[in-house]
Amino acid sequence: IVTGGGHLEGIMLRSELRAMLSVRFFPDDKVPRLWLQITADDVGGTPVDGHPDMYTMLEERRCFGAGTCGGSDRDWEWGMFLDEDRARLVNLGPYMNPSVLTVQEACPLDKAYKLFS
């Protein structure tokens, strides 16, 4: 994710974004509570901090796969987003990985330590 000034803020995997969209179609109740808690109608109402349930869901999907959290990543592909859904805003900042550094296997340990500390 790059800001308007061209500054790299972090990275978010497509699978994580897909998981966030699939929350809208979880069969928990008539109006998915988590969807309404991670999105907002306007910029002023957009949550600044991430929701703990979303962190848990993303971590479970990362560790155990998509079928462990009550819905499928593909649920949103066949679900119909309403116009109200498409108008909602979500702050991706709390969920993205701000540290996008990688090292090769042959990188000396002292250089890797300096990069990540």
PDB file of N, CA and C in Angstrom:
ATOM      1  N   ILE A   1       0.860  -1.151   0.000  1.00  0.00           N
ATOM      2  CA  ILE A   1       0.000   0.000   0.000  1.00  0.00           C
ATOM      3  C   ILE A   1       0.912   1.221   0.000  1.00  0.00           C
ATOM      4  N   VAL A   2       0.710   2.082  -0.967  1.00  0.00           N
ATOM      5  CA  VAL A   2       1.554   3.261  -1.139  1.00  0.00           C
ATOM      6  C   VAL A   2       0.697   4.502  -0.938  1.00  0.00           C
ATOM      7  N   THR A   3       1.208   5.474  -0.195  1.00  0.00           N
ATOM      8  CA  THR A   3       0.473   6.723   0.045  1.00  0.00           C
ATOM      9  C   THR A   3       0.537   7.607  -1.191  1.00  0.00           C
ATOM     10  N   GLY A   4      -0.204   8.687  -1.156  1.00  0.00           N
ATOM     11  CA  GLY A   4      -0.237   9.616  -2.278  1.00  0.00           C
ATOM     12  C   GLY A   4       1.132  10.189  -2.623  1.00  0.00           C
ATOM     13  N   GLY A   5       2.001  10.326  -1.638  1.00  0.00           N
ATOM     14  CA  GLY A   5       3.345  10.854  -1.864  1.00  0.00           C
ATOM     15  C   GLY A   5       4.329   9.813  -2.353  1.00  0.00           C
ATOM     16  N   GLY A   6       3.883   8.586  -2.593  1.00  0.00           N
ATOM     17  CA  GLY A   6       4.754   7.530  -3.071  1.00  0.00           C
ATOM     18  C   GLY A   6       5.514   6.801  -1.979  1.00  0.00           C
ATOM     19  N   HIS A   7       5.138   6.994  -0.722  1.00  0.00           N
ATOM     20  CA  HIS A   7       5.807   6.345   0.414  1.00  0.00           C
ATOM     21  C   HIS A   7       5.158   4.982   0.684  1.00  0.00           C
ATOM     22  N   LEU A   8       5.970   3.928   0.755  1.00  0.00           N
ATOM     23  CA  LEU A   8       5.472   2.590   1.035  1.00  0.00           C
ATOM     24  C   LEU A   8       5.090   2.480   2.507  1.00  0.00           C
ATOM     25  N   GLU A   9       3.824   2.198   2.764  1.00  0.00           N
ATOM     26  CA  GLU A   9       3.330   2.072   4.136  1.00  0.00           C
ATOM     27  C   GLU A   9       3.378   0.632   4.628  1.00  0.00           C
ATOM     28  N   GLY A  10       3.220  -0.319   3.735  1.00  0.00           N
ATOM     29  CA  GLY A  10       3.210  -1.720   4.125  1.00  0.00           C
ATOM     30  C   GLY A  10       2.634  -2.568   3.019  1.00  0.00           C
ATOM     31  N   ILE A  11       2.436  -3.828   3.323  1.00  0.00           N
ATOM     32  CA  ILE A  11       1.929  -4.766   2.337  1.00  0.00           C
ATOM     33  C   ILE A  11       0.762  -5.551   2.925  1.00  0.00           C
ATOM     34  N   MET A  12      -0.196  -5.862   2.068  1.00  0.00           N
ATOM     35  CA  MET A  12      -1.317  -6.697   2.476  1.00  0.00           C
ATOM     36  C   MET A  12      -1.510  -7.739   1.389  1.00  0.00           C
ATOM     37  N   LEU A  13      -1.514  -8.987   1.784  1.00  0.00           N
ATOM     38  CA  LEU A  13      -1.662 -10.065   0.818  1.00  0.00           C
ATOM     39  C   LEU A  13      -3.073 -10.103   0.248  1.00  0.00           C
ATOM     40  N   ARG A  14      -3.192 -10.550  -0.980  1.00  0.00           N
ATOM     41  CA  ARG A  14      -4.497 -10.685  -1.616  1.00  0.00           C
ATOM     42  C   ARG A  14      -5.396 -11.615  -0.813  1.00  0.00           C
ATOM     43  N   SER A  15      -4.831 -12.672  -0.242  1.00  0.00           N
ATOM     44  CA  SER A  15      -5.627 -13.613   0.548  1.00  0.00           C
ATOM     45  C   SER A  15      -6.194 -12.947   1.801  1.00  0.00           C
ATOM     46  N   GLU A  16      -5.435 -11.996   2.386  1.00  0.00           N
ATOM     47  CA  GLU A  16      -5.930 -11.281   3.561  1.00  0.00           C
ATOM     48  C   GLU A  16      -7.063 -10.328   3.178  1.00  0.00           C
ATOM     49  N   LEU A  17      -6.917  -9.662   2.046  1.00  0.00           N
ATOM     50  CA  LEU A  17      -7.972  -8.767   1.571  1.00  0.00           C
ATOM     51  C   LEU A  17      -9.232  -9.569   1.229  1.00  0.00           C
ATOM     52  N   ARG A  18      -9.037 -10.728   0.613  1.00  0.00           N
ATOM     53  CA  ARG A  18     -10.158 -11.613   0.295  1.00  0.00           C
ATOM     54  C   ARG A  18     -10.860 -12.064   1.573  1.00  0.00           C
ATOM     55  N   ALA A  19     -10.089 -12.370   2.608  1.00  0.00           N
ATOM     56  CA  ALA A  19     -10.678 -12.779   3.889  1.00  0.00           C
ATOM     57  C   ALA A  19     -11.493 -11.650   4.499  1.00  0.00           C
ATOM     58  N   MET A  20     -10.997 -10.404   4.377  1.00  0.00           N
ATOM     59  CA  MET A  20     -11.747  -9.275   4.918  1.00  0.00           C
ATOM     60  C   MET A  20     -13.060  -9.079   4.177  1.00  0.00           C
ATOM     61  N   LEU A  21     -13.048  -9.243   2.865  1.00  0.00           N
ATOM     62  CA  LEU A  21     -14.284  -9.102   2.087  1.00  0.00           C
ATOM     63  C   LEU A  21     -15.273 -10.224   2.393  1.00  0.00           C
ATOM     64  N   SER A  22     -14.758 -11.417   2.645  1.00  0.00           N
ATOM     65  CA  SER A  22     -15.648 -12.555   2.896  1.00  0.00           C
ATOM     66  C   SER A  22     -16.396 -12.423   4.215  1.00  0.00           C
ATOM     67  N   VAL A  23     -15.920 -11.560   5.121  1.00  0.00           N
ATOM     68  CA  VAL A  23     -16.592 -11.352   6.411  1.00  0.00           C
ATOM     69  C   VAL A  23     -18.028 -10.886   6.191  1.00  0.00           C
ATOM     70  N   ARG A  24     -18.262 -10.151   5.115  1.00  0.00           N
ATOM     71  CA  ARG A  24     -19.606  -9.630   4.841  1.00  0.00           C
ATOM     72  C   ARG A  24     -20.625 -10.761   4.702  1.00  0.00           C
ATOM     73  N   PHE A  25     -20.200 -11.928   4.276  1.00  0.00           N
ATOM     74  CA  PHE A  25     -21.122 -13.018   3.980  1.00  0.00           C
ATOM     75  C   PHE A  25     -21.056 -14.166   4.983  1.00  0.00           C
ATOM     76  N   PHE A  26     -20.453 -13.940   6.135  1.00  0.00           N
ATOM     77  CA  PHE A  26     -20.442 -14.973   7.169  1.00  0.00           C
ATOM     78  C   PHE A  26     -21.867 -15.225   7.645  1.00  0.00           C
ATOM     79  N   PRO A  27     -22.206 -16.466   7.912  1.00  0.00           N
ATOM     80  CA  PRO A  27     -23.579 -16.800   8.309  1.00  0.00           C
ATOM     81  C   PRO A  27     -23.849 -16.611   9.801  1.00  0.00           C
ATOM     82  N   ASP A  28     -23.246 -15.594  10.449  1.00  0.00           N
ATOM     83  CA  ASP A  28     -23.417 -15.441  11.894  1.00  0.00           C
ATOM     84  C   ASP A  28     -24.771 -14.843  12.268  1.00  0.00           C
ATOM     85  N   ASP A  29     -25.286 -13.940  11.472  1.00  0.00           N
ATOM     86  CA  ASP A  29     -26.608 -13.364  11.722  1.00  0.00           C
ATOM     87  C   ASP A  29     -27.059 -12.628  10.467  1.00  0.00           C
ATOM     88  N   LYS A  30     -28.214 -11.967  10.529  1.00  0.00           N
ATOM     89  CA  LYS A  30     -28.754 -11.297   9.343  1.00  0.00           C
ATOM     90  C   LYS A  30     -27.833 -10.182   8.845  1.00  0.00           C
ATOM     91  N   VAL A  31     -27.335  -9.362   9.737  1.00  0.00           N
ATOM     92  CA  VAL A  31     -26.380  -8.310   9.374  1.00  0.00           C
ATOM     93  C   VAL A  31     -25.062  -8.648  10.068  1.00  0.00           C
ATOM     94  N   PRO A  32     -24.057  -9.042   9.301  1.00  0.00           N
ATOM     95  CA  PRO A  32     -22.788  -9.446   9.912  1.00  0.00           C
ATOM     96  C   PRO A  32     -22.197  -8.344  10.798  1.00  0.00           C
ATOM     97  N   ARG A  33     -22.065  -8.668  12.064  1.00  0.00           N
ATOM     98  CA  ARG A  33     -21.571  -7.692  13.036  1.00  0.00           C
ATOM     99  C   ARG A  33     -20.131  -7.294  12.767  1.00  0.00           C
ATOM    100  N   LEU A  34     -19.275  -8.256  12.458  1.00  0.00           N
ATOM    101  CA  LEU A  34     -17.862  -7.936  12.244  1.00  0.00           C
ATOM    102  C   LEU A  34     -17.696  -6.995  11.052  1.00  0.00           C
ATOM    103  N   TRP A  35     -18.467  -7.207   9.992  1.00  0.00           N
ATOM    104  CA  TRP A  35     -18.410  -6.333   8.811  1.00  0.00           C
ATOM    105  C   TRP A  35     -18.715  -4.893   9.208  1.00  0.00           C
ATOM    106  N   LEU A  36     -19.735  -4.710  10.020  1.00  0.00           N
ATOM    107  CA  LEU A  36     -20.112  -3.351  10.432  1.00  0.00           C
ATOM    108  C   LEU A  36     -19.099  -2.750  11.403  1.00  0.00           C
ATOM    109  N   GLN A  37     -18.349  -3.583  12.108  1.00  0.00           N
ATOM    110  CA  GLN A  37     -17.369  -3.079  13.061  1.00  0.00           C
ATOM    111  C   GLN A  37     -16.031  -2.724  12.412  1.00  0.00           C
ATOM    112  N   ILE A  38     -15.721  -3.313  11.263  1.00  0.00           N
ATOM    113  CA  ILE A  38     -14.451  -2.991  10.605  1.00  0.00           C
ATOM    114  C   ILE A  38     -14.621  -1.971   9.488  1.00  0.00           C
ATOM    115  N   THR A  39     -15.870  -1.636   9.144  1.00  0.00           N
ATOM    116  CA  THR A  39     -16.126  -0.662   8.089  1.00  0.00           C
ATOM    117  C   THR A  39     -16.902   0.518   8.660  1.00  0.00           C
ATOM    118  N   ALA A  40     -17.002   1.588   7.868  1.00  0.00           N
ATOM    119  CA  ALA A  40     -17.742   2.778   8.301  1.00  0.00           C
ATOM    120  C   ALA A  40     -18.348   3.459   7.082  1.00  0.00           C
ATOM    121  N   ASP A  41     -19.349   4.293   7.342  1.00  0.00           N
ATOM    122  CA  ASP A  41     -20.009   5.032   6.270  1.00  0.00           C
ATOM    123  C   ASP A  41     -19.190   6.226   5.775  1.00  0.00           C
ATOM    124  N   ASP A  42     -18.363   6.788   6.656  1.00  0.00           N
ATOM    125  CA  ASP A  42     -17.567   7.946   6.272  1.00  0.00           C
ATOM    126  C   ASP A  42     -16.171   7.852   6.888  1.00  0.00           C
ATOM    127  N   VAL A  43     -15.284   8.705   6.420  1.00  0.00           N
ATOM    128  CA  VAL A  43     -13.892   8.668   6.874  1.00  0.00           C
ATOM    129  C   VAL A  43     -13.793   8.912   8.376  1.00  0.00           C
ATOM    130  N   GLY A  44     -14.609   9.811   8.899  1.00  0.00           N
ATOM    131  CA  GLY A  44     -14.568  10.116  10.328  1.00  0.00           C
ATOM    132  C   GLY A  44     -14.950   8.944  11.208  1.00  0.00           C
ATOM    133  N   GLY A  45     -15.775   8.045  10.695  1.00  0.00           N
ATOM    134  CA  GLY A  45     -16.207   6.895  11.480  1.00  0.00           C
ATOM    135  C   GLY A  45     -15.375   5.648  11.276  1.00  0.00           C
ATOM    136  N   THR A  46     -14.364   5.725  10.403  1.00  0.00           N
ATOM    137  CA  THR A  46     -13.533   4.562  10.115  1.00  0.00           C
ATOM    138  C   THR A  46     -12.708   4.204  11.343  1.00  0.00           C
ATOM    139  N   PRO A  47     -12.783   2.949  11.797  1.00  0.00           N
ATOM    140  CA  PRO A  47     -12.009   2.540  12.979  1.00  0.00           C
ATOM    141  C   PRO A  47     -10.503   2.717  12.764  1.00  0.00           C
ATOM    142  N   VAL A  48      -9.846   3.312  13.747  1.00  0.00           N
ATOM    143  CA  VAL A  48      -8.406   3.541  13.656  1.00  0.00           C
ATOM    144  C   VAL A  48      -7.641   2.274  14.025  1.00  0.00           C
ATOM    145  N   ASP A  49      -8.102   1.580  15.056  1.00  0.00           N
ATOM    146  CA  ASP A  49      -7.473   0.334  15.480  1.00  0.00           C
ATOM    147  C   ASP A  49      -8.196  -0.837  14.837  1.00  0.00           C
ATOM    148  N   GLY A  50      -7.484  -1.906  14.646  1.00  0.00           N
ATOM    149  CA  GLY A  50      -8.108  -3.098  14.097  1.00  0.00           C
ATOM    150  C   GLY A  50      -9.002  -3.779  15.117  1.00  0.00           C
ATOM    151  N   HIS A  51      -9.935  -4.565  14.635  1.00  0.00           N
ATOM    152  CA  HIS A  51     -10.854  -5.289  15.508  1.00  0.00           C
ATOM    153  C   HIS A  51     -10.193  -6.616  15.917  1.00  0.00           C
ATOM    154  N   PRO A  52     -10.218  -6.961  17.211  1.00  0.00           N
ATOM    155  CA  PRO A  52      -9.562  -8.193  17.675  1.00  0.00           C
ATOM    156  C   PRO A  52     -10.056  -9.459  16.964  1.00  0.00           C
ATOM    157  N   ASP A  53     -11.356  -9.534  16.654  1.00  0.00           N
ATOM    158  CA  ASP A  53     -11.875 -10.717  15.961  1.00  0.00           C
ATOM    159  C   ASP A  53     -11.295 -10.845  14.553  1.00  0.00           C
ATOM    160  N   MET A  54     -11.056  -9.714  13.894  1.00  0.00           N
ATOM    161  CA  MET A  54     -10.471  -9.754  12.560  1.00  0.00           C
ATOM    162  C   MET A  54      -9.020 -10.204  12.635  1.00  0.00           C
ATOM    163  N   TYR A  55      -8.263  -9.703  13.621  1.00  0.00           N
ATOM    164  CA  TYR A  55      -6.884 -10.172  13.806  1.00  0.00           C
ATOM    165  C   TYR A  55      -6.859 -11.685  14.018  1.00  0.00           C
ATOM    166  N   THR A  56      -7.762 -12.172  14.873  1.00  0.00           N
ATOM    167  CA  THR A  56      -7.826 -13.606  15.163  1.00  0.00           C
ATOM    168  C   THR A  56      -8.138 -14.390  13.906  1.00  0.00           C
ATOM    169  N   MET A  57      -9.123 -13.930  13.142  1.00  0.00           N
ATOM    170  CA  MET A  57      -9.515 -14.631  11.926  1.00  0.00           C
ATOM    171  C   MET A  57      -8.369 -14.669  10.915  1.00  0.00           C
ATOM    172  N   LEU A  58      -7.694 -13.534  10.703  1.00  0.00           N
ATOM    173  CA  LEU A  58      -6.590 -13.507   9.748  1.00  0.00           C
ATOM    174  C   LEU A  58      -5.453 -14.422  10.186  1.00  0.00           C
ATOM    175  N   GLU A  59      -5.168 -14.457  11.488  1.00  0.00           N
ATOM    176  CA  GLU A  59      -4.101 -15.325  11.991  1.00  0.00           C
ATOM    177  C   GLU A  59      -4.480 -16.798  11.861  1.00  0.00           C
ATOM    178  N   GLU A  60      -5.731 -17.143  12.167  1.00  0.00           N
ATOM    179  CA  GLU A  60      -6.171 -18.532  12.025  1.00  0.00           C
ATOM    180  C   GLU A  60      -6.109 -18.978  10.573  1.00  0.00           C
ATOM    181  N   ARG A  61      -6.504 -18.106   9.662  1.00  0.00           N
ATOM    182  CA  ARG A  61      -6.442 -18.444   8.237  1.00  0.00           C
ATOM    183  C   ARG A  61      -5.000 -18.612   7.783  1.00  0.00           C
ATOM    184  N   ARG A  62      -4.110 -17.771   8.329  1.00  0.00           N
ATOM    185  CA  ARG A  62      -2.699 -17.886   7.957  1.00  0.00           C
ATOM    186  C   ARG A  62      -2.121 -19.209   8.434  1.00  0.00           C
ATOM    187  N   CYS A  63      -2.495 -19.624   9.644  1.00  0.00           N
ATOM    188  CA  CYS A  63      -1.912 -20.834  10.227  1.00  0.00           C
ATOM    189  C   CYS A  63      -2.608 -22.121   9.795  1.00  0.00           C
ATOM    190  N   PHE A  64      -3.937 -22.087   9.699  1.00  0.00           N
ATOM    191  CA  PHE A  64      -4.681 -23.335   9.535  1.00  0.00           C
ATOM    192  C   PHE A  64      -5.470 -23.445   8.238  1.00  0.00           C
ATOM    193  N   GLY A  65      -5.580 -22.400   7.462  1.00  0.00           N
ATOM    194  CA  GLY A  65      -6.318 -22.454   6.214  1.00  0.00           C
ATOM    195  C   GLY A  65      -7.652 -21.732   6.312  1.00  0.00           C
ATOM    196  N   ALA A  66      -8.292 -21.575   5.164  1.00  0.00           N
ATOM    197  CA  ALA A  66      -9.489 -20.742   5.067  1.00  0.00           C
ATOM    198  C   ALA A  66     -10.732 -21.354   5.683  1.00  0.00           C
ATOM    199  N   GLY A  67     -10.834 -22.641   5.808  1.00  0.00           N
ATOM    200  CA  GLY A  67     -12.071 -23.259   6.271  1.00  0.00           C
ATOM    201  C   GLY A  67     -12.258 -23.289   7.778  1.00  0.00           C
ATOM    202  N   THR A  68     -11.401 -22.637   8.537  1.00  0.00           N
ATOM    203  CA  THR A  68     -11.439 -22.773   9.992  1.00  0.00           C
ATOM    204  C   THR A  68     -12.197 -21.674  10.712  1.00  0.00           C
ATOM    205  N   CYS A  69     -12.658 -20.656   9.998  1.00  0.00           N
ATOM    206  CA  CYS A  69     -13.157 -19.459  10.685  1.00  0.00           C
ATOM    207  C   CYS A  69     -14.625 -19.174  10.446  1.00  0.00           C
ATOM    208  N   GLY A  70     -15.405 -20.146  10.049  1.00  0.00           N
ATOM    209  CA  GLY A  70     -16.837 -19.919   9.913  1.00  0.00           C
ATOM    210  C   GLY A  70     -17.291 -19.540   8.529  1.00  0.00           C
ATOM    211  N   GLY A  71     -16.416 -19.412   7.586  1.00  0.00           N
ATOM    212  CA  GLY A  71     -16.809 -19.055   6.233  1.00  0.00           C
ATOM    213  C   GLY A  71     -15.683 -19.364   5.278  1.00  0.00           C
ATOM    214  N   SER A  72     -15.998 -19.297   4.020  1.00  0.00           N
ATOM    215  CA  SER A  72     -15.009 -19.577   3.000  1.00  0.00           C
ATOM    216  C   SER A  72     -14.542 -18.280   2.359  1.00  0.00           C
ATOM    217  N   ASP A  73     -13.281 -18.239   1.923  1.00  0.00           N
ATOM    218  CA  ASP A  73     -12.790 -17.068   1.201  1.00  0.00           C
ATOM    219  C   ASP A  73     -13.607 -16.824  -0.057  1.00  0.00           C
ATOM    220  N   ARG A  74     -14.163 -17.878  -0.607  1.00  0.00           N
ATOM    221  CA  ARG A  74     -14.917 -17.739  -1.849  1.00  0.00           C
ATOM    222  C   ARG A  74     -16.363 -17.301  -1.634  1.00  0.00           C
ATOM    223  N   ASP A  75     -16.797 -17.200  -0.374  1.00  0.00           N
ATOM    224  CA  ASP A  75     -18.167 -16.767  -0.121  1.00  0.00           C
ATOM    225  C   ASP A  75     -18.462 -15.423  -0.772  1.00  0.00           C
ATOM    226  N   TRP A  76     -17.519 -14.525  -0.746  1.00  0.00           N
ATOM    227  CA  TRP A  76     -17.763 -13.191  -1.286  1.00  0.00           C
ATOM    228  C   TRP A  76     -17.820 -13.198  -2.803  1.00  0.00           C
ATOM    229  N   GLU A  77     -17.199 -14.165  -3.457  1.00  0.00           N
ATOM    230  CA  GLU A  77     -17.204 -14.196  -4.910  1.00  0.00           C
ATOM    231  C   GLU A  77     -18.599 -14.464  -5.462  1.00  0.00           C
ATOM    232  N   TRP A  78     -19.399 -15.224  -4.714  1.00  0.00           N
ATOM    233  CA  TRP A  78     -20.752 -15.521  -5.163  1.00  0.00           C
ATOM    234  C   TRP A  78     -21.793 -14.677  -4.440  1.00  0.00           C
ATOM    235  N   GLY A  79     -21.380 -13.980  -3.419  1.00  0.00           N
ATOM    236  CA  GLY A  79     -22.299 -13.111  -2.687  1.00  0.00           C
ATOM    237  C   GLY A  79     -22.476 -11.803  -3.437  1.00  0.00           C
ATOM    238  N   MET A  80     -23.596 -11.200  -3.226  1.00  0.00           N
ATOM    239  CA  MET A  80     -23.871  -9.920  -3.875  1.00  0.00           C
ATOM    240  C   MET A  80     -23.637  -8.793  -2.881  1.00  0.00           C
ATOM    241  N   PHE A  81     -22.664  -7.956  -3.172  1.00  0.00           N
ATOM    242  CA  PHE A  81     -22.451  -6.777  -2.348  1.00  0.00           C
ATOM    243  C   PHE A  81     -23.540  -5.764  -2.696  1.00  0.00           C
ATOM    244  N   LEU A  82     -24.209  -5.269  -1.688  1.00  0.00           N
ATOM    245  CA  LEU A  82     -25.220  -4.243  -1.890  1.00  0.00           C
ATOM    246  C   LEU A  82     -24.538  -2.909  -2.168  1.00  0.00           C
ATOM    247  N   ASP A  83     -25.291  -1.953  -2.687  1.00  0.00           N
ATOM    248  CA  ASP A  83     -24.721  -0.629  -2.919  1.00  0.00           C
ATOM    249  C   ASP A  83     -24.190  -0.032  -1.621  1.00  0.00           C
ATOM    250  N   GLU A  84     -24.891  -0.283  -0.504  1.00  0.00           N
ATOM    251  CA  GLU A  84     -24.441   0.231   0.798  1.00  0.00           C
ATOM    252  C   GLU A  84     -23.097  -0.386   1.186  1.00  0.00           C
ATOM    253  N   ASP A  85     -22.911  -1.675   0.846  1.00  0.00           N
ATOM    254  CA  ASP A  85     -21.638  -2.343   1.148  1.00  0.00           C
ATOM    255  C   ASP A  85     -20.497  -1.706   0.363  1.00  0.00           C
ATOM    256  N   ARG A  86     -20.740  -1.445  -0.908  1.00  0.00           N
ATOM    257  CA  ARG A  86     -19.699  -0.874  -1.758  1.00  0.00           C
ATOM    258  C   ARG A  86     -19.343   0.547  -1.361  1.00  0.00           C
ATOM    259  N   ALA A  87     -20.251   1.239  -0.688  1.00  0.00           N
ATOM    260  CA  ALA A  87     -19.990   2.610  -0.269  1.00  0.00           C
ATOM    261  C   ALA A  87     -19.241   2.688   1.064  1.00  0.00           C
ATOM    262  N   ARG A  88     -19.128   1.573   1.784  1.00  0.00           N
ATOM    263  CA  ARG A  88     -18.475   1.586   3.101  1.00  0.00           C
ATOM    264  C   ARG A  88     -16.955   1.655   2.945  1.00  0.00           C
ATOM    265  N   LEU A  89     -16.295   2.212   3.959  1.00  0.00           N
ATOM    266  CA  LEU A  89     -14.843   2.380   3.967  1.00  0.00           C
ATOM    267  C   LEU A  89     -14.222   1.481   5.024  1.00  0.00           C
ATOM    268  N   VAL A  90     -13.020   1.019   4.752  1.00  0.00           N
ATOM    269  CA  VAL A  90     -12.283   0.212   5.726  1.00  0.00           C
ATOM    270  C   VAL A  90     -10.853   0.746   5.814  1.00  0.00           C
ATOM    271  N   ASN A  91     -10.333   0.804   7.022  1.00  0.00           N
ATOM    272  CA  ASN A  91      -8.954   1.223   7.248  1.00  0.00           C
ATOM    273  C   ASN A  91      -8.078  -0.029   7.195  1.00  0.00           C
ATOM    274  N   LEU A  92      -7.280  -0.165   6.154  1.00  0.00           N
ATOM    275  CA  LEU A  92      -6.415  -1.342   6.013  1.00  0.00           C
ATOM    276  C   LEU A  92      -5.151  -1.250   6.854  1.00  0.00           C
ATOM    277  N   GLY A  93      -4.830  -0.055   7.329  1.00  0.00           N
ATOM    278  CA  GLY A  93      -3.604   0.177   8.082  1.00  0.00           C
ATOM    279  C   GLY A  93      -3.353  -0.788   9.225  1.00  0.00           C
ATOM    280  N   PRO A  94      -4.352  -1.046  10.099  1.00  0.00           N
ATOM    281  CA  PRO A  94      -4.087  -1.939  11.221  1.00  0.00           C
ATOM    282  C   PRO A  94      -3.812  -3.388  10.815  1.00  0.00           C
ATOM    283  N   TYR A  95      -4.236  -3.779   9.615  1.00  0.00           N
ATOM    284  CA  TYR A  95      -4.123  -5.177   9.208  1.00  0.00           C
ATOM    285  C   TYR A  95      -2.942  -5.451   8.276  1.00  0.00           C
ATOM    286  N   MET A  96      -2.322  -4.414   7.746  1.00  0.00           N
ATOM    287  CA  MET A  96      -1.222  -4.651   6.807  1.00  0.00           C
ATOM    288  C   MET A  96       0.091  -4.863   7.546  1.00  0.00           C
ATOM    289  N   ASN A  97       1.020  -5.468   6.858  1.00  0.00           N
ATOM    290  CA  ASN A  97       2.344  -5.744   7.406  1.00  0.00           C
ATOM    291  C   ASN A  97       3.248  -4.549   7.085  1.00  0.00           C
ATOM    292  N   PRO A  98       3.620  -3.752   8.105  1.00  0.00           N
ATOM    293  CA  PRO A  98       4.454  -2.577   7.831  1.00  0.00           C
ATOM    294  C   PRO A  98       5.923  -2.914   7.593  1.00  0.00           C
ATOM    295  N   SER A  99       6.327  -4.123   7.885  1.00  0.00           N
ATOM    296  CA  SER A  99       7.718  -4.528   7.728  1.00  0.00           C
ATOM    297  C   SER A  99       7.819  -5.473   6.547  1.00  0.00           C
ATOM    298  N   VAL A 100       8.163  -4.927   5.402  1.00  0.00           N
ATOM    299  CA  VAL A 100       8.175  -5.733   4.184  1.00  0.00           C
ATOM    300  C   VAL A 100       9.593  -6.120   3.768  1.00  0.00           C
ATOM    301  N   LEU A 101      10.476  -6.200   4.745  1.00  0.00           N
ATOM    302  CA  LEU A 101      11.858  -6.562   4.458  1.00  0.00           C
ATOM    303  C   LEU A 101      12.013  -8.072   4.354  1.00  0.00           C
ATOM    304  N   THR A 102      12.883  -8.500   3.456  1.00  0.00           N
ATOM    305  CA  THR A 102      13.235  -9.917   3.345  1.00  0.00           C
ATOM    306  C   THR A 102      14.755 -10.021   3.201  1.00  0.00           C
ATOM    307  N   VAL A 103      15.270 -11.170   3.531  1.00  0.00           N
ATOM    308  CA  VAL A 103      16.702 -11.426   3.362  1.00  0.00           C
ATOM    309  C   VAL A 103      16.885 -12.774   2.680  1.00  0.00           C
ATOM    310  N   GLN A 104      17.997 -12.916   1.999  1.00  0.00           N
ATOM    311  CA  GLN A 104      18.345 -14.182   1.362  1.00  0.00           C
ATOM    312  C   GLN A 104      18.943 -15.122   2.411  1.00  0.00           C
ATOM    313  N   GLU A 105      18.965 -16.396   2.115  1.00  0.00           N
ATOM    314  CA  GLU A 105      19.520 -17.386   3.046  1.00  0.00           C
ATOM    315  C   GLU A 105      20.992 -17.125   3.351  1.00  0.00           C
ATOM    316  N   ALA A 106      21.717 -16.594   2.386  1.00  0.00           N
ATOM    317  CA  ALA A 106      23.163 -16.377   2.555  1.00  0.00           C
ATOM    318  C   ALA A 106      23.478 -15.052   3.251  1.00  0.00           C
ATOM    319  N   CYS A 107      22.471 -14.291   3.669  1.00  0.00           N
ATOM    320  CA  CYS A 107      22.701 -13.007   4.336  1.00  0.00           C
ATOM    321  C   CYS A 107      23.371 -13.245   5.690  1.00  0.00           C
ATOM    322  N   PRO A 108      24.447 -12.519   5.990  1.00  0.00           N
ATOM    323  CA  PRO A 108      25.086 -12.671   7.301  1.00  0.00           C
ATOM    324  C   PRO A 108      24.119 -12.280   8.432  1.00  0.00           C
ATOM    325  N   LEU A 109      24.216 -12.983   9.528  1.00  0.00           N
ATOM    326  CA  LEU A 109      23.303 -12.783  10.651  1.00  0.00           C
ATOM    327  C   LEU A 109      23.356 -11.367  11.205  1.00  0.00           C
ATOM    328  N   ASP A 110      24.545 -10.772  11.281  1.00  0.00           N
ATOM    329  CA  ASP A 110      24.634  -9.419  11.833  1.00  0.00           C
ATOM    330  C   ASP A 110      23.918  -8.389  10.949  1.00  0.00           C
ATOM    331  N   LYS A 111      23.946  -8.568   9.622  1.00  0.00           N
ATOM    332  CA  LYS A 111      23.224  -7.664   8.731  1.00  0.00           C
ATOM    333  C   LYS A 111      21.711  -7.856   8.861  1.00  0.00           C
ATOM    334  N   ALA A 112      21.270  -9.091   8.955  1.00  0.00           N
ATOM    335  CA  ALA A 112      19.835  -9.368   9.135  1.00  0.00           C
ATOM    336  C   ALA A 112      19.341  -8.791  10.453  1.00  0.00           C
ATOM    337  N   TYR A 113      20.135  -8.918  11.484  1.00  0.00           N
ATOM    338  CA  TYR A 113      19.759  -8.389  12.799  1.00  0.00           C
ATOM    339  C   TYR A 113      19.594  -6.866  12.734  1.00  0.00           C
ATOM    340  N   LYS A 114      20.513  -6.186  12.054  1.00  0.00           N
ATOM    341  CA  LYS A 114      20.438  -4.724  11.933  1.00  0.00           C
ATOM    342  C   LYS A 114      19.186  -4.305  11.139  1.00  0.00           C
ATOM    343  N   LEU A 115      18.829  -5.062  10.136  1.00  0.00           N
ATOM    344  CA  LEU A 115      17.641  -4.737   9.337  1.00  0.00           C
ATOM    345  C   LEU A 115      16.358  -4.808  10.163  1.00  0.00           C
ATOM    346  N   PHE A 116      16.239  -5.824  10.986  1.00  0.00           N
ATOM    347  CA  PHE A 116      14.983  -6.084  11.689  1.00  0.00           C
ATOM    348  C   PHE A 116      14.938  -5.540  13.115  1.00  0.00           C
ATOM    349  N   SER A 117      15.982  -4.866  13.544  1.00  0.00           N
ATOM    350  CA  SER A 117      15.949  -4.316  14.914  1.00  0.00           C
ATOM    351  C   SER A 117      16.020  -2.812  14.906  1.00  0.00           C
TER     352      SER A 117
END
